[in-house]
C-alpha atoms as a PDB file:
ATOM      1  CA  MET A   1       0.105 -43.304  61.212  1.00  0.00           C
ATOM      2  CA  GLU A   2      -3.199 -45.088  60.649  1.00  0.00           C
ATOM      3  CA  VAL A   3      -5.158 -43.633  57.717  1.00  0.00           C
ATOM      4  CA  LEU A   4      -8.775 -44.338  56.830  1.00  0.00           C
ATOM      5  CA  VAL A   5     -10.663 -42.988  53.818  1.00  0.00           C
ATOM      6  CA  ASP A   6     -14.445 -43.420  53.999  1.00  0.00           C
ATOM      7  CA  GLY A   7     -13.936 -46.057  56.670  1.00  0.00           C
ATOM      8  CA  LYS A   8     -11.453 -48.107  54.632  1.00  0.00           C
ATOM      9  CA  GLN A   9      -7.808 -48.537  55.521  1.00  0.00           C
ATOM     10  CA  PHE A  10      -5.375 -46.705  53.259  1.00  0.00           C
ATOM     11  CA  ALA A  11      -2.289 -48.850  52.821  1.00  0.00           C
ATOM     12  CA  GLY A  12      -0.070 -46.469  50.872  1.00  0.00           C
ATOM     13  CA  GLU A  13       2.660 -44.162  52.118  1.00  0.00           C
ATOM     14  CA  LEU A  14       1.865 -40.489  52.624  1.00  0.00           C
ATOM     15  CA  ILE A  15       4.551 -37.834  52.489  1.00  0.00           C
ATOM     16  CA  GLY A  16       4.593 -34.461  54.203  1.00  0.00           C
ATOM     17  CA  GLY A  17       5.501 -32.989  57.539  1.00  0.00           C
ATOM     18  CA  THR A  18       2.192 -31.248  58.266  1.00  0.00           C
ATOM     19  CA  LEU A  19      -1.499 -32.113  58.031  1.00  0.00           C
ATOM     20  CA  GLN A  20      -1.865 -29.822  55.019  1.00  0.00           C
ATOM     21  CA  ASP A  21       0.912 -31.636  53.140  1.00  0.00           C
ATOM     22  CA  ILE A  22      -0.420 -35.066  54.106  1.00  0.00           C
ATOM     23  CA  LEU A  23      -3.968 -34.222  53.000  1.00  0.00           C
ATOM     24  CA  GLY A  24      -2.629 -32.915  49.706  1.00  0.00           C
ATOM     25  CA  ASP A  25      -0.771 -36.155  49.096  1.00  0.00           C
ATOM     26  CA  LEU A  26      -3.805 -38.193  50.161  1.00  0.00           C
ATOM     27  CA  ALA A  27      -6.029 -36.246  47.765  1.00  0.00           C
ATOM     28  CA  ASN A  28      -3.739 -37.187  44.886  1.00  0.00           C
ATOM     29  CA  LYS A  29      -3.398 -40.840  45.846  1.00  0.00           C
ATOM     30  CA  ALA A  30      -6.800 -41.818  47.211  1.00  0.00           C
ATOM     31  CA  VAL A  31      -9.488 -39.213  46.565  1.00  0.00           C
ATOM     32  CA  GLY A  32      -9.223 -38.319  42.884  1.00  0.00           C
ATOM     33  CA  ASP A  33     -10.743 -35.503  40.865  1.00  0.00           C
ATOM     34  CA  ASP A  34     -14.355 -36.643  41.139  1.00  0.00           C
ATOM     35  CA  ALA A  35     -14.559 -36.307  44.925  1.00  0.00           C
ATOM     36  CA  THR A  36     -13.533 -33.920  47.668  1.00  0.00           C
ATOM     37  CA  MET A  37     -12.833 -34.191  51.383  1.00  0.00           C
ATOM     38  CA  ARG A  38     -15.843 -33.362  53.528  1.00  0.00           C
ATOM     39  CA  GLU A  39     -14.634 -34.209  57.011  1.00  0.00           C
ATOM     40  CA  VAL A  40     -11.248 -34.784  58.619  1.00  0.00           C
ATOM     41  CA  ARG A  41     -10.664 -36.338  62.027  1.00  0.00           C
ATOM     42  CA  ILE A  42      -7.379 -36.332  63.885  1.00  0.00           C
ATOM     43  CA  ASN A  43      -6.965 -39.010  66.579  1.00  0.00           C
ATOM     44  CA  GLY A  44     -10.750 -39.383  66.681  1.00  0.00           C
ATOM     45  CA  GLU A  45     -11.424 -35.636  67.007  1.00  0.00           C
ATOM     46  CA  LEU A  46     -13.035 -33.561  64.266  1.00  0.00           C
ATOM     47  CA  PHE A  47     -10.386 -31.240  62.844  1.00  0.00           C
ATOM     48  CA  GLU A  48     -11.117 -27.588  63.623  1.00  0.00           C
ATOM     49  CA  GLU A  49      -8.506 -24.860  63.358  1.00  0.00           C
ATOM     50  CA  ALA A  50      -9.849 -23.191  66.497  1.00  0.00           C
ATOM     51  CA  LYS A  51      -8.940 -26.300  68.520  1.00  0.00           C
ATOM     52  CA  LEU A  52      -5.966 -27.843  66.732  1.00  0.00           C
ATOM     53  CA  GLY A  53      -4.488 -24.871  64.883  1.00  0.00           C
ATOM     54  CA  PRO A  54      -3.989 -24.365  61.125  1.00  0.00           C
ATOM     55  CA  ALA A  55      -3.418 -27.460  58.996  1.00  0.00           C
ATOM     56  CA  ASP A  56      -0.053 -26.134  57.816  1.00  0.00           C
ATOM     57  CA  ARG A  57       1.176 -25.992  61.427  1.00  0.00           C
ATOM     58  CA  LEU A  58      -0.153 -29.301  62.696  1.00  0.00           C
ATOM     59  CA  GLY A  59       2.917 -31.538  62.645  1.00  0.00           C
ATOM     60  CA  ARG A  60       2.936 -35.140  61.477  1.00  0.00           C
ATOM     61  CA  GLU A  61       4.200 -36.291  64.873  1.00  0.00           C
ATOM     62  CA  ARG A  62       0.874 -35.252  66.455  1.00  0.00           C
ATOM     63  CA  ILE A  63      -1.186 -37.446  64.126  1.00  0.00           C
ATOM     64  CA  GLN A  64      -1.571 -41.090  65.131  1.00  0.00           C
ATOM     65  CA  ARG A  65      -4.887 -41.672  63.349  1.00  0.00           C
ATOM     66  CA  LEU A  66      -6.204 -39.755  60.329  1.00  0.00           C
ATOM     67  CA  GLU A  67      -9.789 -40.317  59.170  1.00  0.00           C
ATOM     68  CA  VAL A  68     -11.172 -38.680  56.050  1.00  0.00           C
ATOM     69  CA  GLU A  69     -14.702 -38.745  54.695  1.00  0.00           C
ATOM     70  CA  THR A  70     -15.237 -37.771  51.076  1.00  0.00           C
ATOM     71  CA  ILE A  71     -18.193 -36.585  49.041  1.00  0.00           C
ATOM     72  CA  PRO A  72     -18.631 -36.626  45.245  1.00  0.00           C
ATOM     73  CA  ALA A  73     -17.363 -33.297  43.922  1.00  0.00           C
ATOM     74  CA  ARG A  74     -20.586 -32.583  42.037  1.00  0.00           C
ATOM     75  CA  GLU A  75     -22.726 -33.258  45.105  1.00  0.00           C
ATOM     76  CA  MET A  76     -20.511 -30.965  47.176  1.00  0.00           C
ATOM     77  CA  ALA A  77     -20.766 -28.198  44.580  1.00  0.00           C
ATOM     78  CA  VAL A  78     -24.567 -28.367  44.370  1.00  0.00           C
ATOM     79  CA  HIS A  79     -24.786 -28.409  48.166  1.00  0.00           C
ATOM     80  CA  PHE A  80     -22.626 -25.290  48.329  1.00  0.00           C
ATOM     81  CA  LEU A  81     -24.811 -23.428  45.824  1.00  0.00           C
ATOM     82  CA  ALA A  82     -27.948 -24.413  47.746  1.00  0.00           C
ATOM     83  CA  ASN A  83     -26.543 -23.036  51.001  1.00  0.00           C
ATOM     84  CA  ALA A  84     -24.513 -20.109  49.666  1.00  0.00           C
ATOM     85  CA  GLY A  85     -27.322 -17.631  50.353  1.00  0.00           C
ATOM     86  CA  ALA A  86     -27.169 -18.223  54.100  1.00  0.00           C
ATOM     87  CA  TYR A  87     -23.367 -18.098  53.981  1.00  0.00           C
ATOM     88  CA  LEU A  88     -23.471 -14.740  52.180  1.00  0.00           C
ATOM     89  CA  ASP A  89     -26.015 -13.422  54.684  1.00  0.00           C
ATOM     90  CA  ALA A  90     -23.586 -14.261  57.487  1.00  0.00           C
ATOM     91  CA  ILE A  91     -20.741 -12.505  55.653  1.00  0.00           C
ATOM     92  CA  LYS A  92     -22.885  -9.420  55.054  1.00  0.00           C
ATOM     93  CA  HIS A  93     -23.790  -9.286  58.740  1.00  0.00           C
ATOM     94  CA  SER A  94     -20.081  -9.430  59.598  1.00  0.00           C
ATOM     95  CA  VAL A  95     -19.324  -6.715  57.031  1.00  0.00           C
ATOM     96  CA  GLY A  96     -21.834  -4.382  58.669  1.00  0.00           C
ATOM     97  CA  ARG A  97     -20.442  -5.122  62.124  1.00  0.00           C
ATOM     98  CA  VAL A  98     -16.848  -4.472  61.041  1.00  0.00           C
ATOM     99  CA  ALA A  99     -17.775  -1.198  59.329  1.00  0.00           C
ATOM    100  CA  GLU A 100     -19.542  -0.055  62.495  1.00  0.00           C
ATOM    101  CA  LEU A 101     -16.518  -0.893  64.653  1.00  0.00           C
ATOM    102  CA  PHE A 102     -14.147   1.022  62.381  1.00  0.00           C
ATOM    103  CA  ARG A 103     -16.451   4.047  62.465  1.00  0.00           C
ATOM    104  CA  VAL A 104     -16.402   4.172  66.263  1.00  0.00           C
ATOM    105  CA  SER A 105     -12.589   3.845  66.201  1.00  0.00           C
ATOM    106  CA  ASP A 106     -12.460   0.473  67.910  1.00  0.00           C
ATOM    107  CA  GLU A 107      -9.599  -0.480  65.626  1.00  0.00           C
ATOM    108  CA  GLN A 108      -8.269  -3.523  67.482  1.00  0.00           C
ATOM    109  CA  GLU A 109     -11.593  -5.347  67.686  1.00  0.00           C
ATOM    110  CA  ALA A 110     -12.525  -4.174  64.174  1.00  0.00           C
ATOM    111  CA  SER A 111      -9.280  -5.527  62.728  1.00  0.00           C
ATOM    112  CA  GLU A 112      -9.845  -8.957  64.282  1.00  0.00           C
ATOM    113  CA  HIS A 113     -13.370  -9.207  62.863  1.00  0.00           C
ATOM    114  CA  TYR A 114     -12.203  -7.755  59.556  1.00  0.00           C
ATOM    115  CA  LEU A 115      -9.595 -10.497  59.057  1.00  0.00           C
ATOM    116  CA  ASN A 116     -12.176 -13.191  59.806  1.00  0.00           C
ATOM    117  CA  THR A 117     -14.605 -11.581  57.371  1.00  0.00           C
ATOM    118  CA  LEU A 118     -11.958 -11.358  54.668  1.00  0.00           C
ATOM    119  CA  GLU A 119     -11.132 -15.035  55.127  1.00  0.00           C
ATOM    120  CA  SER A 120     -14.832 -15.893  54.757  1.00  0.00           C
ATOM    121  CA  ILE A 121     -15.060 -13.911  51.509  1.00  0.00           C
ATOM    122  CA  GLN A 122     -11.935 -15.577  50.143  1.00  0.00           C
ATOM    123  CA  LEU A 123     -13.343 -18.996  51.054  1.00  0.00           C
ATOM    124  CA  PHE A 124     -16.575 -18.113  49.234  1.00  0.00           C
ATOM    125  CA  LEU A 125     -14.594 -17.124  46.142  1.00  0.00           C
ATOM    126  CA  GLN A 126     -12.535 -20.314  46.289  1.00  0.00           C
ATOM    127  CA  MET A 127     -15.656 -22.469  46.562  1.00  0.00           C
ATOM    128  CA  LEU A 128     -17.378 -20.496  43.809  1.00  0.00           C
ATOM    129  CA  GLN A 129     -14.479 -21.099  41.434  1.00  0.00           C
ATOM    130  CA  GLU A 130     -14.416 -24.800  42.281  1.00  0.00           C
ATOM    131  CA  CYS A 131     -18.183 -25.073  41.666  1.00  0.00           C
ATOM    132  CA  ARG A 132     -17.793 -23.220  38.395  1.00  0.00           C
ATOM    133  CA  GLN A 133     -15.228 -25.730  37.213  1.00  0.00           C
ATOM    134  CA  ILE A 134     -16.906 -28.884  38.532  1.00  0.00           C
ATOM    135  CA  LEU A 135     -20.397 -28.004  37.278  1.00  0.00           C
ATOM    136  CA  GLU A 136     -19.234 -26.144  34.141  1.00  0.00           C
ATOM    137  CA  LEU A 137     -21.345 -23.113  35.081  1.00  0.00           C
ATOM    138  CA  ASP A 138     -21.957 -20.284  32.633  1.00  0.00           C
ATOM    139  CA  PHE A 139     -20.351 -17.093  33.932  1.00  0.00           C
ATOM    140  CA  GLU A 140     -20.285 -15.340  30.566  1.00  0.00           C
ATOM    141  CA  SER A 141     -23.975 -14.520  29.961  1.00  0.00           C
ATOM    142  CA  PRO A 142     -25.207 -11.187  31.399  1.00  0.00           C
ATOM    143  CA  SER A 143     -26.949 -12.088  34.629  1.00  0.00           C
ATOM    144  CA  LEU A 144     -26.120  -9.571  37.343  1.00  0.00           C
ATOM    145  CA  GLU A 145     -27.519  -6.129  36.493  1.00  0.00           C
ATOM    146  CA  GLY A 146     -26.253  -6.282  32.928  1.00  0.00           C
ATOM    147  CA  LEU A 147     -22.866  -7.757  33.787  1.00  0.00           C
ATOM    148  CA  SER A 148     -21.769 -11.336  33.402  1.00  0.00           C
ATOM    149  CA  GLY A 149     -20.814 -13.481  36.351  1.00  0.00           C
ATOM    150  CA  GLU A 150     -17.182 -13.198  35.269  1.00  0.00           C
ATOM    151  CA  GLU A 151     -17.360  -9.387  35.237  1.00  0.00           C
ATOM    152  CA  ARG A 152     -19.005  -9.369  38.658  1.00  0.00           C
ATOM    153  CA  LEU A 153     -16.369 -11.745  39.933  1.00  0.00           C
ATOM    154  CA  GLN A 154     -13.640  -9.387  38.765  1.00  0.00           C
ATOM    155  CA  LYS A 155     -15.429  -6.478  40.443  1.00  0.00           C
ATOM    156  CA  LEU A 156     -15.518  -8.379  43.707  1.00  0.00           C
ATOM    157  CA  LEU A 157     -11.795  -9.076  43.436  1.00  0.00           C
ATOM    158  CA  VAL A 158     -11.133  -5.375  42.808  1.00  0.00           C
ATOM    159  CA  LEU A 159     -13.113  -4.501  45.949  1.00  0.00           C
ATOM    160  CA  ILE A 160     -10.968  -6.872  47.975  1.00  0.00           C
ATOM    161  CA  LYS A 161      -7.844  -5.166  46.611  1.00  0.00           C
ATOM    162  CA  ASP A 162      -9.344  -1.790  47.551  1.00  0.00           C
ATOM    163  CA  LEU A 163      -9.965  -3.079  51.071  1.00  0.00           C
ATOM    164  CA  LEU A 164      -6.386  -4.284  51.413  1.00  0.00           C
ATOM    165  CA  SER A 165      -5.095  -0.948  50.108  1.00  0.00           C
ATOM    166  CA  ALA A 166      -7.191   0.996  52.621  1.00  0.00           C
ATOM    167  CA  GLN A 167      -5.953  -1.324  55.358  1.00  0.00           C
ATOM    168  CA  GLU A 168      -2.310  -0.743  54.411  1.00  0.00           C
ATOM    169  CA  GLN A 169      -2.895   3.019  54.502  1.00  0.00           C
ATOM    170  CA  GLN A 170      -4.764   2.662  57.798  1.00  0.00           C
ATOM    171  CA  ASP A 171      -7.599   4.659  56.279  1.00  0.00           C
ATOM    172  CA  TRP A 172     -10.320   3.184  58.468  1.00  0.00           C
ATOM    173  CA  VAL A 173     -13.033   5.552  57.241  1.00  0.00           C
ATOM    174  CA  LEU A 174     -12.442   4.544  53.621  1.00  0.00           C
ATOM    175  CA  LEU A 175     -12.291   0.889  54.591  1.00  0.00           C
ATOM    176  CA  ALA A 176     -15.622   1.208  56.426  1.00  0.00           C
ATOM    177  CA  ASP A 177     -17.186   2.961  53.404  1.00  0.00           C
ATOM    178  CA  ILE A 178     -16.054   0.199  51.025  1.00  0.00           C
ATOM    179  CA  LEU A 179     -17.406  -2.450  53.361  1.00  0.00           C
ATOM    180  CA  GLU A 180     -20.738  -0.799  54.096  1.00  0.00           C
ATOM    181  CA  TYR A 181     -21.651   0.528  50.670  1.00  0.00           C
ATOM    182  CA  ASP A 182     -19.705  -1.271  47.923  1.00  0.00           C
ATOM    183  CA  LEU A 183     -19.066  -4.745  49.300  1.00  0.00           C
ATOM    184  CA  SER A 184     -22.505  -5.134  50.876  1.00  0.00           C
ATOM    185  CA  ALA A 185     -24.154  -4.293  47.554  1.00  0.00           C
ATOM    186  CA  GLU A 186     -22.006  -6.841  45.707  1.00  0.00           C
ATOM    187  CA  LEU A 187     -22.815  -9.530  48.258  1.00  0.00           C
ATOM    188  CA  ASP A 188     -26.529  -8.840  47.759  1.00  0.00           C
ATOM    189  CA  LEU A 189     -26.120  -9.310  44.008  1.00  0.00           C
ATOM    190  CA  TRP A 190     -24.259 -12.586  44.452  1.00  0.00           C
ATOM    191  CA  ARG A 191     -26.902 -13.814  46.874  1.00  0.00           C
ATOM    192  CA  GLY A 192     -29.517 -13.213  44.192  1.00  0.00           C
ATOM    193  CA  PHE A 193     -27.367 -15.015  41.623  1.00  0.00           C
ATOM    194  CA  MET A 194     -27.025 -18.251  43.601  1.00  0.00           C
ATOM    195  CA  PRO A 195     -30.466 -19.716  42.669  1.00  0.00           C
ATOM    196  CA  THR A 196     -29.653 -19.114  38.969  1.00  0.00           C
ATOM    197  CA  LEU A 197     -26.378 -21.000  39.327  1.00  0.00           C
ATOM    198  CA  LYS A 198     -28.112 -23.817  41.178  1.00  0.00           C
ATOM    199  CA  GLU A 199     -30.693 -24.106  38.387  1.00  0.00           C
ATOM    200  CA  GLN A 200     -27.861 -24.325  35.876  1.00  0.00           C
ATOM    201  CA  ALA A 201     -26.255 -27.093  37.891  1.00  0.00           C
ATOM    202  CA  LEU A 202     -29.461 -29.148  38.086  1.00  0.00           C
ATOM    203  CA  SER A 203     -30.598 -28.619  34.492  1.00  0.00           C
END
């Protein structure tokens, strides 16, 4: 397997049977803590799950050439905070759509969109936590309607648990209510909090 990092040949050995494993090993050996992977190409093609499948299912035998572009971790984190508002707007739009589908009993289509929406929220939370660590952001001061960022973060996690519980019980009305009223309101608050976090990062 030919491996390039930021256009330079990587001469070391990489272990792992899937793309996910290989990227994890590459991150440890060639990327470091002060950078993160921005773009991955497999055999000259930009890696997208929709085309190539999940990284944990893409076998090593299918990878002849692996190209990785990195970006300084701090730059990535600031970029995320600057664009998080638009990302949250897209999630909120999806939340409203899913709630509407559950209310009209289109459960199959609603469930598909719901899973995608949940993945987007979990990705937002993952990126938020990474930015918090990289930029040493203050989540303890009261900032979101009298609650700290940490308290709001915990509330968002509780809402996700409530969603999963409603899903397990197949209580689609409750799930739609949580999405439309509780989750949408929390997303609005986080959208308003993003400029404050960005200011912290740049100060």
